[in-house]
Amino acid sequence: MMRQENEEKSYSGKVKTLEILNSETAKMIFRDDITAGDGAKKDNLNGKGALNARMTEILFNLLTSSGIPTHILKKEDDITFLVRPLKIFPVEVVIRNTLAGSICRRYGIPEGEELKKPLLEIFVKDDELHDPLISESVAVSLGYIEEFELGLVKAYAHRVNKVLKHNFDKAGLILVDFKLEFGRDKNGLIWLADELSGDSMRVWDKETRQKLDKDVFRKDLGDVLEGYRTLEKRLSEIEFEPLREPLNVNIIITPKEGIPNPGGNVVKRAIENFGINTQSVRLGKFIQISFQENLESRNWKEEFHKVNNELLTNPLIEVFKIQIR
């Protein structure tokens, strides 16, 4: 939604304005605009900006207390935040807990069924192309995001979902789905960006299934601000419970090609004793590390490569791969 790039001094999106103050700080200003259908439908609703800013403040405070690195520094007034300037990835992440919206149209399935487990999807941020769904391998191959960064973004997104879904349930709300944007700061660290409000998520009342989000505007179902006010009131009244989930990192270490691997040869012969022909077997090491601290203070990629190169592997004869779970 917001393209935060240090070389730009100001950027006006569909519903927010970003002003770069310096290399450390920018202003994110919420406006009263509302749009749908890639901007084809639009209006200006008095007070909407302040409502979305308040919801964003509530939810980002919860996420920060749950160890999620966010771009918000502080709230300056009813519609303005001071934030970290970021270079936003040109892809956004959508987490789905219940079937609704484009996934129903895509597969011809009815709205409302809860998914067996949360579904994470990646979309290109391009209004002219109508934000197409892409695979993870395409996102990496086209250079939209590095493979390591994508793993970290996915881990952050799933933690965000677990925290929000748990607390929305306490407020009598169903968190149907929501979208997230992430970006890099000047040091290469990754932060959750943009906002969280009725504009960027689908939320239903738990008892009545009443929609309290932008679908009210999209589908002409009534007063969208009434839904936003209900959502903000419910969220502001509950006692939030921060959740801290471990960040699990798997490190797979294998011998380089051409390096003798006697252990692999032993396993190869054992497998072939079962009548299964194999080309080769390479035996390596699997290490899993779990982290439970706040994540924003770490340059994960740099630190993991340093640990692997100086401690866990012998760079002369071994290679490693990092998987974030």
C-alpha atoms as a PDB file:
ATOM      1  CA  MET A   1       0.000   0.000   0.000  1.00  0.00           C
ATOM      2  CA  MET A   2       2.732   2.452   0.938  1.00  0.00           C
ATOM      3  CA  ARG A   3       5.956   2.539  -1.023  1.00  0.00           C
ATOM      4  CA  GLN A   4       8.511   3.815   1.457  1.00  0.00           C
ATOM      5  CA  GLU A   5      11.728   4.595  -0.363  1.00  0.00           C
ATOM      6  CA  ASN A   6      14.435   6.801   1.060  1.00  0.00           C
ATOM      7  CA  GLU A   7      15.075   8.645  -2.194  1.00  0.00           C
ATOM      8  CA  GLU A   8      11.479   9.942  -2.281  1.00  0.00           C
ATOM      9  CA  LYS A   9      10.494  12.875  -0.070  1.00  0.00           C
ATOM     10  CA  SER A  10       6.728  12.325  -0.264  1.00  0.00           C
ATOM     11  CA  TYR A  11       4.425   9.598  -1.519  1.00  0.00           C
ATOM     12  CA  SER A  12       0.642   9.708  -1.625  1.00  0.00           C
ATOM     13  CA  GLY A  13      -1.098   6.332  -1.709  1.00  0.00           C
ATOM     14  CA  LYS A  14      -4.798   5.568  -1.972  1.00  0.00           C
ATOM     15  CA  VAL A  15      -5.610   6.334   1.661  1.00  0.00           C
ATOM     16  CA  LYS A  16      -2.357   7.474   3.315  1.00  0.00           C
ATOM     17  CA  THR A  17       0.471   9.913   2.732  1.00  0.00           C
ATOM     18  CA  LEU A  18       4.113   9.262   3.578  1.00  0.00           C
ATOM     19  CA  GLU A  19       6.582  12.114   4.137  1.00  0.00           C
ATOM     20  CA  ILE A  20      10.300  11.323   4.498  1.00  0.00           C
ATOM     21  CA  LEU A  21      11.795  13.620   7.159  1.00  0.00           C
ATOM     22  CA  ASN A  22      15.341  12.201   7.202  1.00  0.00           C
ATOM     23  CA  SER A  23      17.181   8.877   6.962  1.00  0.00           C
ATOM     24  CA  GLU A  24      15.811   7.800  10.361  1.00  0.00           C
ATOM     25  CA  THR A  25      12.241   9.067  10.387  1.00  0.00           C
ATOM     26  CA  ALA A  26       9.174   9.475   8.203  1.00  0.00           C
ATOM     27  CA  LYS A  27       5.561  10.528   8.779  1.00  0.00           C
ATOM     28  CA  MET A  28       2.662   8.210   7.903  1.00  0.00           C
ATOM     29  CA  ILE A  29      -0.539  10.234   7.668  1.00  0.00           C
ATOM     30  CA  PHE A  30      -3.980   8.601   7.483  1.00  0.00           C
ATOM     31  CA  ARG A  31      -6.549  10.310   5.260  1.00  0.00           C
ATOM     32  CA  ASP A  32     -10.346   9.966   5.171  1.00  0.00           C
ATOM     33  CA  ASP A  33     -10.302   8.392   1.694  1.00  0.00           C
ATOM     34  CA  ILE A  34     -11.619   4.898   1.064  1.00  0.00           C
ATOM     35  CA  THR A  35     -11.195   2.885  -2.140  1.00  0.00           C
ATOM     36  CA  ALA A  36     -12.084  -0.518  -3.534  1.00  0.00           C
ATOM     37  CA  GLY A  37     -11.546  -2.409  -6.760  1.00  0.00           C
ATOM     38  CA  ASP A  38      -7.997  -1.107  -7.318  1.00  0.00           C
ATOM     39  CA  GLY A  39      -9.270   2.445  -6.849  1.00  0.00           C
ATOM     40  CA  ALA A  40     -12.250   2.143  -9.213  1.00  0.00           C
ATOM     41  CA  LYS A  41     -14.650   2.832  -6.334  1.00  0.00           C
ATOM     42  CA  LYS A  42     -13.775   5.647  -3.951  1.00  0.00           C
ATOM     43  CA  ASP A  43     -15.215   8.032  -1.389  1.00  0.00           C
ATOM     44  CA  ASN A  44     -14.177  10.363   1.441  1.00  0.00           C
ATOM     45  CA  LEU A  45     -15.612   9.552   4.870  1.00  0.00           C
ATOM     46  CA  ASN A  46     -15.197  12.041   7.688  1.00  0.00           C
ATOM     47  CA  GLY A  47     -13.283  10.500  10.598  1.00  0.00           C
ATOM     48  CA  LYS A  48     -12.174   7.335   8.805  1.00  0.00           C
ATOM     49  CA  GLY A  49      -8.491   8.246   8.939  1.00  0.00           C
ATOM     50  CA  ALA A  50      -8.561   8.718  12.710  1.00  0.00           C
ATOM     51  CA  LEU A  51     -10.419   5.409  13.175  1.00  0.00           C
ATOM     52  CA  ASN A  52      -7.883   3.468  11.111  1.00  0.00           C
ATOM     53  CA  ALA A  53      -4.999   5.191  12.871  1.00  0.00           C
ATOM     54  CA  ARG A  54      -6.459   4.212  16.248  1.00  0.00           C
ATOM     55  CA  MET A  55      -6.899   0.564  15.197  1.00  0.00           C
ATOM     56  CA  THR A  56      -3.354   0.519  13.835  1.00  0.00           C
ATOM     57  CA  GLU A  57      -2.043   1.945  17.104  1.00  0.00           C
ATOM     58  CA  ILE A  58      -3.862  -0.699  19.162  1.00  0.00           C
ATOM     59  CA  LEU A  59      -2.767  -3.649  17.023  1.00  0.00           C
ATOM     60  CA  PHE A  60       0.811  -2.586  16.392  1.00  0.00           C
ATOM     61  CA  ASN A  61       1.293  -2.039  20.128  1.00  0.00           C
ATOM     62  CA  LEU A  62       0.073  -5.597  20.681  1.00  0.00           C
ATOM     63  CA  LEU A  63       2.412  -6.958  18.021  1.00  0.00           C
ATOM     64  CA  THR A  64       5.391  -5.044  19.382  1.00  0.00           C
ATOM     65  CA  SER A  65       4.742  -6.506  22.833  1.00  0.00           C
ATOM     66  CA  SER A  66       4.631  -9.940  21.185  1.00  0.00           C
ATOM     67  CA  GLY A  67       8.106  -9.541  19.691  1.00  0.00           C
ATOM     68  CA  ILE A  68       7.114  -8.497  16.155  1.00  0.00           C
ATOM     69  CA  PRO A  69       9.400  -5.833  14.647  1.00  0.00           C
ATOM     70  CA  THR A  70       7.204  -2.956  13.385  1.00  0.00           C
ATOM     71  CA  HIS A  71       8.064   0.292  11.605  1.00  0.00           C
ATOM     72  CA  ILE A  72       6.070   2.524  13.977  1.00  0.00           C
ATOM     73  CA  LEU A  73       8.110   4.727  16.304  1.00  0.00           C
ATOM     74  CA  LYS A  74       5.319   6.724  17.969  1.00  0.00           C
ATOM     75  CA  LYS A  75       1.930   8.288  17.338  1.00  0.00           C
ATOM     76  CA  GLU A  76       2.164  12.037  16.834  1.00  0.00           C
ATOM     77  CA  ASP A  77      -1.530  12.975  16.630  1.00  0.00           C
ATOM     78  CA  ASP A  78      -4.906  11.418  15.753  1.00  0.00           C
ATOM     79  CA  ILE A  79      -3.916  10.614  12.171  1.00  0.00           C
ATOM     80  CA  THR A  80      -0.099  10.762  12.134  1.00  0.00           C
ATOM     81  CA  PHE A  81       2.632   8.291  13.083  1.00  0.00           C
ATOM     82  CA  LEU A  82       6.382   8.688  13.070  1.00  0.00           C
ATOM     83  CA  VAL A  83       7.765   5.574  11.358  1.00  0.00           C
ATOM     84  CA  ARG A  84      11.029   4.095  10.121  1.00  0.00           C
ATOM     85  CA  PRO A  85      11.716   4.807   6.445  1.00  0.00           C
ATOM     86  CA  LEU A  86      11.747   1.483   4.631  1.00  0.00           C
ATOM     87  CA  LYS A  87      12.123   0.114   1.152  1.00  0.00           C
ATOM     88  CA  ILE A  88       8.933  -1.911   0.840  1.00  0.00           C
ATOM     89  CA  PHE A  89       9.043  -5.315  -0.823  1.00  0.00           C
ATOM     90  CA  PRO A  90       6.948  -5.259  -4.036  1.00  0.00           C
ATOM     91  CA  VAL A  91       4.940  -8.211  -2.735  1.00  0.00           C
ATOM     92  CA  GLU A  92       2.370  -8.414   0.051  1.00  0.00           C
ATOM     93  CA  VAL A  93       1.465 -11.356   2.242  1.00  0.00           C
ATOM     94  CA  VAL A  94      -2.121 -12.443   2.824  1.00  0.00           C
ATOM     95  CA  ILE A  95      -3.022 -14.787   5.673  1.00  0.00           C
ATOM     96  CA  ARG A  96      -6.393 -16.537   5.441  1.00  0.00           C
ATOM     97  CA  ASN A  97      -8.159 -18.259   8.345  1.00  0.00           C
ATOM     98  CA  THR A  98     -11.667 -18.413   6.838  1.00  0.00           C
ATOM     99  CA  LEU A  99     -12.736 -18.561   3.196  1.00  0.00           C
ATOM    100  CA  ALA A 100     -13.765 -15.174   1.781  1.00  0.00           C
ATOM    101  CA  GLY A 101     -12.964 -12.787  -1.057  1.00  0.00           C
ATOM    102  CA  SER A 102     -10.739 -13.628  -4.015  1.00  0.00           C
ATOM    103  CA  ILE A 103      -9.973 -17.200  -2.989  1.00  0.00           C
ATOM    104  CA  CYS A 104     -13.694 -18.031  -3.218  1.00  0.00           C
ATOM    105  CA  ARG A 105     -13.927 -16.494  -6.707  1.00  0.00           C
ATOM    106  CA  ARG A 106     -10.681 -18.168  -7.774  1.00  0.00           C
ATOM    107  CA  TYR A 107     -11.791 -21.686  -6.882  1.00  0.00           C
ATOM    108  CA  GLY A 108     -15.574 -21.351  -7.053  1.00  0.00           C
ATOM    109  CA  ILE A 109     -16.136 -22.140  -3.375  1.00  0.00           C
ATOM    110  CA  PRO A 110     -18.637 -20.588  -0.961  1.00  0.00           C
ATOM    111  CA  GLU A 111     -17.670 -18.020   1.649  1.00  0.00           C
ATOM    112  CA  GLY A 112     -17.526 -18.781   5.343  1.00  0.00           C
ATOM    113  CA  GLU A 113     -15.807 -22.128   5.899  1.00  0.00           C
ATOM    114  CA  GLU A 114     -12.894 -22.074   8.334  1.00  0.00           C
ATOM    115  CA  LEU A 115      -9.654 -23.425   6.890  1.00  0.00           C
ATOM    116  CA  LYS A 116      -8.024 -26.465   8.502  1.00  0.00           C
ATOM    117  CA  LYS A 117      -4.894 -24.378   9.011  1.00  0.00           C
ATOM    118  CA  PRO A 118      -3.952 -20.790   8.126  1.00  0.00           C
ATOM    119  CA  LEU A 119      -3.139 -20.262   4.462  1.00  0.00           C
ATOM    120  CA  LEU A 120      -0.353 -17.854   3.473  1.00  0.00           C
ATOM    121  CA  GLU A 121      -0.435 -16.395  -0.035  1.00  0.00           C
ATOM    122  CA  ILE A 122       1.849 -13.916  -1.812  1.00  0.00           C
ATOM    123  CA  PHE A 123       0.640 -11.244  -4.229  1.00  0.00           C
ATOM    124  CA  VAL A 124       2.489  -8.774  -6.433  1.00  0.00           C
ATOM    125  CA  LYS A 125       1.685  -5.168  -5.481  1.00  0.00           C
ATOM    126  CA  ASP A 126       0.531  -3.861  -8.871  1.00  0.00           C
ATOM    127  CA  ASP A 127      -2.890  -2.270  -9.381  1.00  0.00           C
ATOM    128  CA  GLU A 128      -2.629  -2.427 -13.180  1.00  0.00           C
ATOM    129  CA  LEU A 129      -2.195  -6.200 -12.978  1.00  0.00           C
ATOM    130  CA  HIS A 130      -4.829  -6.423 -10.195  1.00  0.00           C
ATOM    131  CA  ASP A 131      -2.271  -7.682  -7.643  1.00  0.00           C
ATOM    132  CA  PRO A 132      -1.708 -11.170  -9.110  1.00  0.00           C
ATOM    133  CA  LEU A 133      -1.111 -14.209  -6.914  1.00  0.00           C
ATOM    134  CA  ILE A 134       2.388 -15.649  -7.358  1.00  0.00           C
ATOM    135  CA  SER A 135       4.319 -18.599  -5.978  1.00  0.00           C
ATOM    136  CA  GLU A 136       7.216 -18.259  -3.566  1.00  0.00           C
ATOM    137  CA  SER A 137       9.678 -19.497  -6.186  1.00  0.00           C
ATOM    138  CA  VAL A 138       8.491 -16.846  -8.668  1.00  0.00           C
ATOM    139  CA  ALA A 139       8.810 -14.107  -6.046  1.00  0.00           C
ATOM    140  CA  VAL A 140      12.424 -15.144  -5.390  1.00  0.00           C
ATOM    141  CA  SER A 141      13.344 -15.807  -9.041  1.00  0.00           C
ATOM    142  CA  LEU A 142      12.057 -12.396 -10.165  1.00  0.00           C
ATOM    143  CA  GLY A 143      14.082 -10.691  -7.451  1.00  0.00           C
ATOM    144  CA  TYR A 144      11.129  -9.313  -5.516  1.00  0.00           C
ATOM    145  CA  ILE A 145      12.542 -10.728  -2.291  1.00  0.00           C
ATOM    146  CA  GLU A 146      15.483 -12.930  -1.274  1.00  0.00           C
ATOM    147  CA  GLU A 147      14.812 -16.513  -0.213  1.00  0.00           C
ATOM    148  CA  PHE A 148      16.126 -15.903   3.323  1.00  0.00           C
ATOM    149  CA  GLU A 149      14.041 -12.716   3.630  1.00  0.00           C
ATOM    150  CA  LEU A 150      10.941 -14.552   2.449  1.00  0.00           C
ATOM    151  CA  GLY A 151      11.428 -17.193   5.131  1.00  0.00           C
ATOM    152  CA  LEU A 152      11.689 -14.483   7.775  1.00  0.00           C
ATOM    153  CA  VAL A 153       8.652 -12.611   6.428  1.00  0.00           C
ATOM    154  CA  LYS A 154       6.592 -15.809   6.493  1.00  0.00           C
ATOM    155  CA  ALA A 155       7.650 -16.523  10.077  1.00  0.00           C
ATOM    156  CA  TYR A 156       6.695 -12.982  11.122  1.00  0.00           C
ATOM    157  CA  ALA A 157       3.351 -13.228   9.294  1.00  0.00           C
ATOM    158  CA  HIS A 158       2.373 -16.497  10.966  1.00  0.00           C
ATOM    159  CA  ARG A 159       3.289 -15.081  14.371  1.00  0.00           C
ATOM    160  CA  VAL A 160       1.194 -11.968  13.645  1.00  0.00           C
ATOM    161  CA  ASN A 161      -1.733 -14.204  12.737  1.00  0.00           C
ATOM    162  CA  LYS A 162      -1.500 -16.277  15.900  1.00  0.00           C
ATOM    163  CA  VAL A 163      -1.360 -13.167  18.111  1.00  0.00           C
ATOM    164  CA  LEU A 164      -4.213 -11.371  16.349  1.00  0.00           C
ATOM    165  CA  LYS A 165      -6.487 -14.387  15.953  1.00  0.00           C
ATOM    166  CA  HIS A 166      -6.179 -15.257  19.657  1.00  0.00           C
ATOM    167  CA  ASN A 167      -6.980 -11.713  20.805  1.00  0.00           C
ATOM    168  CA  PHE A 168      -9.741 -11.115  18.257  1.00  0.00           C
ATOM    169  CA  ASP A 169     -11.439 -14.243  19.545  1.00  0.00           C
ATOM    170  CA  LYS A 170     -11.350 -12.748  23.062  1.00  0.00           C
ATOM    171  CA  ALA A 171     -13.109  -9.682  21.615  1.00  0.00           C
ATOM    172  CA  GLY A 172     -15.873 -11.798  20.063  1.00  0.00           C
ATOM    173  CA  LEU A 173     -14.463 -11.345  16.569  1.00  0.00           C
ATOM    174  CA  ILE A 174     -13.505 -13.689  13.727  1.00  0.00           C
ATOM    175  CA  LEU A 175     -10.278 -12.704  11.988  1.00  0.00           C
ATOM    176  CA  VAL A 176     -11.146 -13.926   8.497  1.00  0.00           C
ATOM    177  CA  ASP A 177      -8.055 -12.736   6.626  1.00  0.00           C
ATOM    178  CA  PHE A 178      -5.644  -9.821   6.418  1.00  0.00           C
ATOM    179  CA  LYS A 179      -2.737  -8.515   4.378  1.00  0.00           C
ATOM    180  CA  LEU A 180       0.693  -7.416   5.518  1.00  0.00           C
ATOM    181  CA  GLU A 181       3.516  -5.423   3.988  1.00  0.00           C
ATOM    182  CA  PHE A 182       7.159  -5.650   4.965  1.00  0.00           C
ATOM    183  CA  GLY A 183      10.260  -3.650   4.120  1.00  0.00           C
ATOM    184  CA  ARG A 184      13.996  -3.306   4.726  1.00  0.00           C
ATOM    185  CA  ASP A 185      15.599  -0.429   6.579  1.00  0.00           C
ATOM    186  CA  LYS A 186      18.940   1.108   5.576  1.00  0.00           C
ATOM    187  CA  ASN A 187      20.757  -1.599   7.567  1.00  0.00           C
ATOM    188  CA  GLY A 188      18.954  -4.458   5.842  1.00  0.00           C
ATOM    189  CA  LEU A 189      16.735  -5.297   8.825  1.00  0.00           C
ATOM    190  CA  ILE A 190      13.151  -6.353   8.080  1.00  0.00           C
ATOM    191  CA  TRP A 191      10.140  -4.663   9.693  1.00  0.00           C
ATOM    192  CA  LEU A 192       6.377  -5.017   9.491  1.00  0.00           C
ATOM    193  CA  ALA A 193       5.123  -1.899   7.698  1.00  0.00           C
ATOM    194  CA  ASP A 194       1.942  -0.045   6.705  1.00  0.00           C
ATOM    195  CA  GLU A 195      -1.209  -0.473   8.849  1.00  0.00           C
ATOM    196  CA  LEU A 196      -3.717  -2.904  10.340  1.00  0.00           C
ATOM    197  CA  SER A 197      -7.330  -1.755  10.240  1.00  0.00           C
ATOM    198  CA  GLY A 198     -10.704  -2.470   8.681  1.00  0.00           C
ATOM    199  CA  ASP A 199      -9.129  -1.464   5.364  1.00  0.00           C
ATOM    200  CA  SER A 200      -6.551  -4.272   5.421  1.00  0.00           C
ATOM    201  CA  MET A 201      -8.419  -7.160   7.051  1.00  0.00           C
ATOM    202  CA  ARG A 202     -11.731  -8.957   7.026  1.00  0.00           C
ATOM    203  CA  VAL A 203     -13.345  -9.226  10.459  1.00  0.00           C
ATOM    204  CA  TRP A 204     -16.757 -10.651  11.334  1.00  0.00           C
ATOM    205  CA  ASP A 205     -18.788 -10.630  14.510  1.00  0.00           C
ATOM    206  CA  LYS A 206     -18.398 -14.067  16.108  1.00  0.00           C
ATOM    207  CA  GLU A 207     -22.102 -14.510  16.868  1.00  0.00           C
ATOM    208  CA  THR A 208     -23.901 -12.760  14.001  1.00  0.00           C
ATOM    209  CA  ARG A 209     -21.195 -13.048  11.286  1.00  0.00           C
ATOM    210  CA  GLN A 210     -21.813  -9.361  10.557  1.00  0.00           C
ATOM    211  CA  LYS A 211     -19.039  -7.827   8.455  1.00  0.00           C
ATOM    212  CA  LEU A 212     -17.098  -5.056  10.202  1.00  0.00           C
ATOM    213  CA  ASP A 213     -14.558  -4.288   7.467  1.00  0.00           C
ATOM    214  CA  LYS A 214     -14.180  -2.733   4.017  1.00  0.00           C
ATOM    215  CA  ASP A 215     -16.402  -5.402   2.431  1.00  0.00           C
ATOM    216  CA  VAL A 216     -19.298  -3.263   3.688  1.00  0.00           C
ATOM    217  CA  PHE A 217     -18.083  -0.526   1.316  1.00  0.00           C
ATOM    218  CA  ARG A 218     -17.091  -2.909  -1.486  1.00  0.00           C
ATOM    219  CA  LYS A 219     -20.504  -4.593  -1.551  1.00  0.00           C
ATOM    220  CA  ASP A 220     -22.732  -1.640  -0.532  1.00  0.00           C
ATOM    221  CA  LEU A 221     -23.874  -3.397   2.641  1.00  0.00           C
ATOM    222  CA  GLY A 222     -24.460  -0.268   4.730  1.00  0.00           C
ATOM    223  CA  ASP A 223     -22.423   2.193   6.781  1.00  0.00           C
ATOM    224  CA  VAL A 224     -18.782   1.071   6.679  1.00  0.00           C
ATOM    225  CA  LEU A 225     -17.783   3.558   9.400  1.00  0.00           C
ATOM    226  CA  GLU A 226     -20.259   1.973  11.787  1.00  0.00           C
ATOM    227  CA  GLY A 227     -18.459  -1.334  11.321  1.00  0.00           C
ATOM    228  CA  TYR A 228     -15.081   0.341  11.836  1.00  0.00           C
ATOM    229  CA  ARG A 229     -16.320   2.012  15.025  1.00  0.00           C
ATOM    230  CA  THR A 230     -17.595  -1.332  16.347  1.00  0.00           C
ATOM    231  CA  LEU A 231     -14.272  -2.962  15.526  1.00  0.00           C
ATOM    232  CA  GLU A 232     -12.258  -0.200  17.209  1.00  0.00           C
ATOM    233  CA  LYS A 233     -14.489  -0.285  20.297  1.00  0.00           C
ATOM    234  CA  ARG A 234     -14.222  -4.070  20.683  1.00  0.00           C
ATOM    235  CA  LEU A 235     -10.440  -3.988  20.313  1.00  0.00           C
ATOM    236  CA  SER A 236      -9.971  -1.087  22.732  1.00  0.00           C
ATOM    237  CA  GLU A 237     -12.077  -2.739  25.458  1.00  0.00           C
ATOM    238  CA  ILE A 238     -10.328  -6.106  25.790  1.00  0.00           C
ATOM    239  CA  GLU A 239      -7.214  -6.850  27.805  1.00  0.00           C
ATOM    240  CA  PHE A 240      -4.739  -7.936  25.167  1.00  0.00           C
ATOM    241  CA  GLU A 241      -2.599 -10.999  25.734  1.00  0.00           C
ATOM    242  CA  PRO A 242       0.810 -10.844  24.014  1.00  0.00           C
ATOM    243  CA  LEU A 243       2.012 -14.191  22.703  1.00  0.00           C
ATOM    244  CA  ARG A 244       5.651 -15.064  22.170  1.00  0.00           C
ATOM    245  CA  GLU A 245       6.357 -17.830  19.700  1.00  0.00           C
ATOM    246  CA  PRO A 246       9.850 -19.222  19.100  1.00  0.00           C
ATOM    247  CA  LEU A 247      11.529 -18.493  15.794  1.00  0.00           C
ATOM    248  CA  ASN A 248      12.753 -21.900  14.643  1.00  0.00           C
ATOM    249  CA  VAL A 249      15.752 -22.014  12.336  1.00  0.00           C
ATOM    250  CA  ASN A 250      16.853 -25.240  10.655  1.00  0.00           C
ATOM    251  CA  ILE A 251      20.428 -25.508   9.408  1.00  0.00           C
ATOM    252  CA  ILE A 252      21.196 -28.321   6.957  1.00  0.00           C
ATOM    253  CA  ILE A 253      24.890 -29.053   6.427  1.00  0.00           C
ATOM    254  CA  THR A 254      26.116 -31.379   3.670  1.00  0.00           C
ATOM    255  CA  PRO A 255      29.507 -32.218   2.120  1.00  0.00           C
ATOM    256  CA  LYS A 256      30.451 -30.346  -1.032  1.00  0.00           C
ATOM    257  CA  GLU A 257      30.239 -32.178  -4.339  1.00  0.00           C
ATOM    258  CA  GLY A 258      33.367 -34.246  -4.925  1.00  0.00           C
ATOM    259  CA  ILE A 259      34.227 -34.516  -1.216  1.00  0.00           C
ATOM    260  CA  PRO A 260      34.367 -38.153   0.007  1.00  0.00           C
ATOM    261  CA  ASN A 261      31.338 -39.034   2.141  1.00  0.00           C
ATOM    262  CA  PRO A 262      31.921 -42.521   3.652  1.00  0.00           C
ATOM    263  CA  GLY A 263      28.843 -42.263   5.890  1.00  0.00           C
ATOM    264  CA  GLY A 264      26.685 -41.628   2.839  1.00  0.00           C
ATOM    265  CA  ASN A 265      28.174 -44.664   1.105  1.00  0.00           C
ATOM    266  CA  VAL A 266      27.253 -46.866   4.082  1.00  0.00           C
ATOM    267  CA  VAL A 267      23.657 -45.612   3.965  1.00  0.00           C
ATOM    268  CA  LYS A 268      23.587 -46.076   0.174  1.00  0.00           C
ATOM    269  CA  ARG A 269      24.541 -49.738   0.490  1.00  0.00           C
ATOM    270  CA  ALA A 270      21.949 -50.260   3.230  1.00  0.00           C
ATOM    271  CA  ILE A 271      19.213 -48.759   1.055  1.00  0.00           C
ATOM    272  CA  GLU A 272      20.225 -50.911  -1.908  1.00  0.00           C
ATOM    273  CA  ASN A 273      19.926 -54.002   0.304  1.00  0.00           C
ATOM    274  CA  PHE A 274      16.182 -53.259   0.204  1.00  0.00           C
ATOM    275  CA  GLY A 275      16.288 -53.535  -3.575  1.00  0.00           C
ATOM    276  CA  ILE A 276      16.146 -49.774  -4.136  1.00  0.00           C
ATOM    277  CA  ASN A 277      18.767 -48.531  -6.603  1.00  0.00           C
ATOM    278  CA  THR A 278      20.242 -45.131  -5.750  1.00  0.00           C
ATOM    279  CA  GLN A 279      22.497 -42.742  -7.640  1.00  0.00           C
ATOM    280  CA  SER A 280      24.182 -41.414  -4.500  1.00  0.00           C
ATOM    281  CA  VAL A 281      23.595 -40.659  -0.823  1.00  0.00           C
ATOM    282  CA  ARG A 282      25.254 -37.783   0.996  1.00  0.00           C
ATOM    283  CA  LEU A 283      25.111 -37.811   4.775  1.00  0.00           C
ATOM    284  CA  GLY A 284      25.192 -34.461   6.581  1.00  0.00           C
ATOM    285  CA  LYS A 285      24.025 -32.728   9.749  1.00  0.00           C
ATOM    286  CA  PHE A 286      20.716 -31.174  10.783  1.00  0.00           C
ATOM    287  CA  ILE A 287      20.688 -28.474  13.492  1.00  0.00           C
ATOM    288  CA  GLN A 288      17.568 -26.718  14.813  1.00  0.00           C
ATOM    289  CA  ILE A 289      17.842 -23.501  16.825  1.00  0.00           C
ATOM    290  CA  SER A 290      14.882 -21.773  18.509  1.00  0.00           C
ATOM    291  CA  PHE A 291      14.764 -18.086  19.452  1.00  0.00           C
ATOM    292  CA  GLN A 292      12.120 -16.506  21.692  1.00  0.00           C
ATOM    293  CA  GLU A 293      13.379 -12.942  22.086  1.00  0.00           C
ATOM    294  CA  ASN A 294      12.344  -9.760  20.290  1.00  0.00           C
ATOM    295  CA  LEU A 295      13.444 -10.065  16.696  1.00  0.00           C
ATOM    296  CA  GLU A 296      14.054  -6.490  15.525  1.00  0.00           C
ATOM    297  CA  SER A 297      17.524  -6.116  17.050  1.00  0.00           C
ATOM    298  CA  ARG A 298      19.092  -8.858  14.961  1.00  0.00           C
ATOM    299  CA  ASN A 299      20.539  -9.031  11.477  1.00  0.00           C
ATOM    300  CA  TRP A 300      19.563 -12.675  11.166  1.00  0.00           C
ATOM    301  CA  LYS A 301      21.076 -13.384   7.780  1.00  0.00           C
ATOM    302  CA  GLU A 302      24.475 -11.923   8.632  1.00  0.00           C
ATOM    303  CA  GLU A 303      24.620 -13.604  12.042  1.00  0.00           C
ATOM    304  CA  PHE A 304      23.603 -17.051  10.785  1.00  0.00           C
ATOM    305  CA  HIS A 305      26.150 -16.955   7.990  1.00  0.00           C
ATOM    306  CA  LYS A 306      28.844 -15.936  10.468  1.00  0.00           C
ATOM    307  CA  VAL A 307      27.923 -18.752  12.886  1.00  0.00           C
ATOM    308  CA  ASN A 308      27.858 -21.304  10.088  1.00  0.00           C
ATOM    309  CA  ASN A 309      31.125 -20.210   8.504  1.00  0.00           C
ATOM    310  CA  GLU A 310      33.041 -19.867  11.778  1.00  0.00           C
ATOM    311  CA  LEU A 311      31.496 -22.577  13.979  1.00  0.00           C
ATOM    312  CA  LEU A 312      29.051 -25.071  12.518  1.00  0.00           C
ATOM    313  CA  THR A 313      30.585 -25.890   9.145  1.00  0.00           C
ATOM    314  CA  ASN A 314      33.967 -26.300   7.511  1.00  0.00           C
ATOM    315  CA  PRO A 315      33.699 -23.997   4.453  1.00  0.00           C
ATOM    316  CA  LEU A 316      36.426 -25.965   2.665  1.00  0.00           C
ATOM    317  CA  ILE A 317      34.438 -29.195   2.519  1.00  0.00           C
ATOM    318  CA  GLU A 318      30.836 -28.389   3.543  1.00  0.00           C
ATOM    319  CA  VAL A 319      27.907 -26.229   2.427  1.00  0.00           C
ATOM    320  CA  PHE A 320      24.890 -25.171   4.474  1.00  0.00           C
ATOM    321  CA  LYS A 321      21.301 -24.135   3.886  1.00  0.00           C
ATOM    322  CA  ILE A 322      19.176 -22.107   6.312  1.00  0.00           C
ATOM    323  CA  GLN A 323      15.435 -22.719   6.636  1.00  0.00           C
ATOM    324  CA  ILE A 324      13.262 -20.487   8.835  1.00  0.00           C
ATOM    325  CA  ARG A 325      10.179 -22.116  10.318  1.00  0.00           C
END
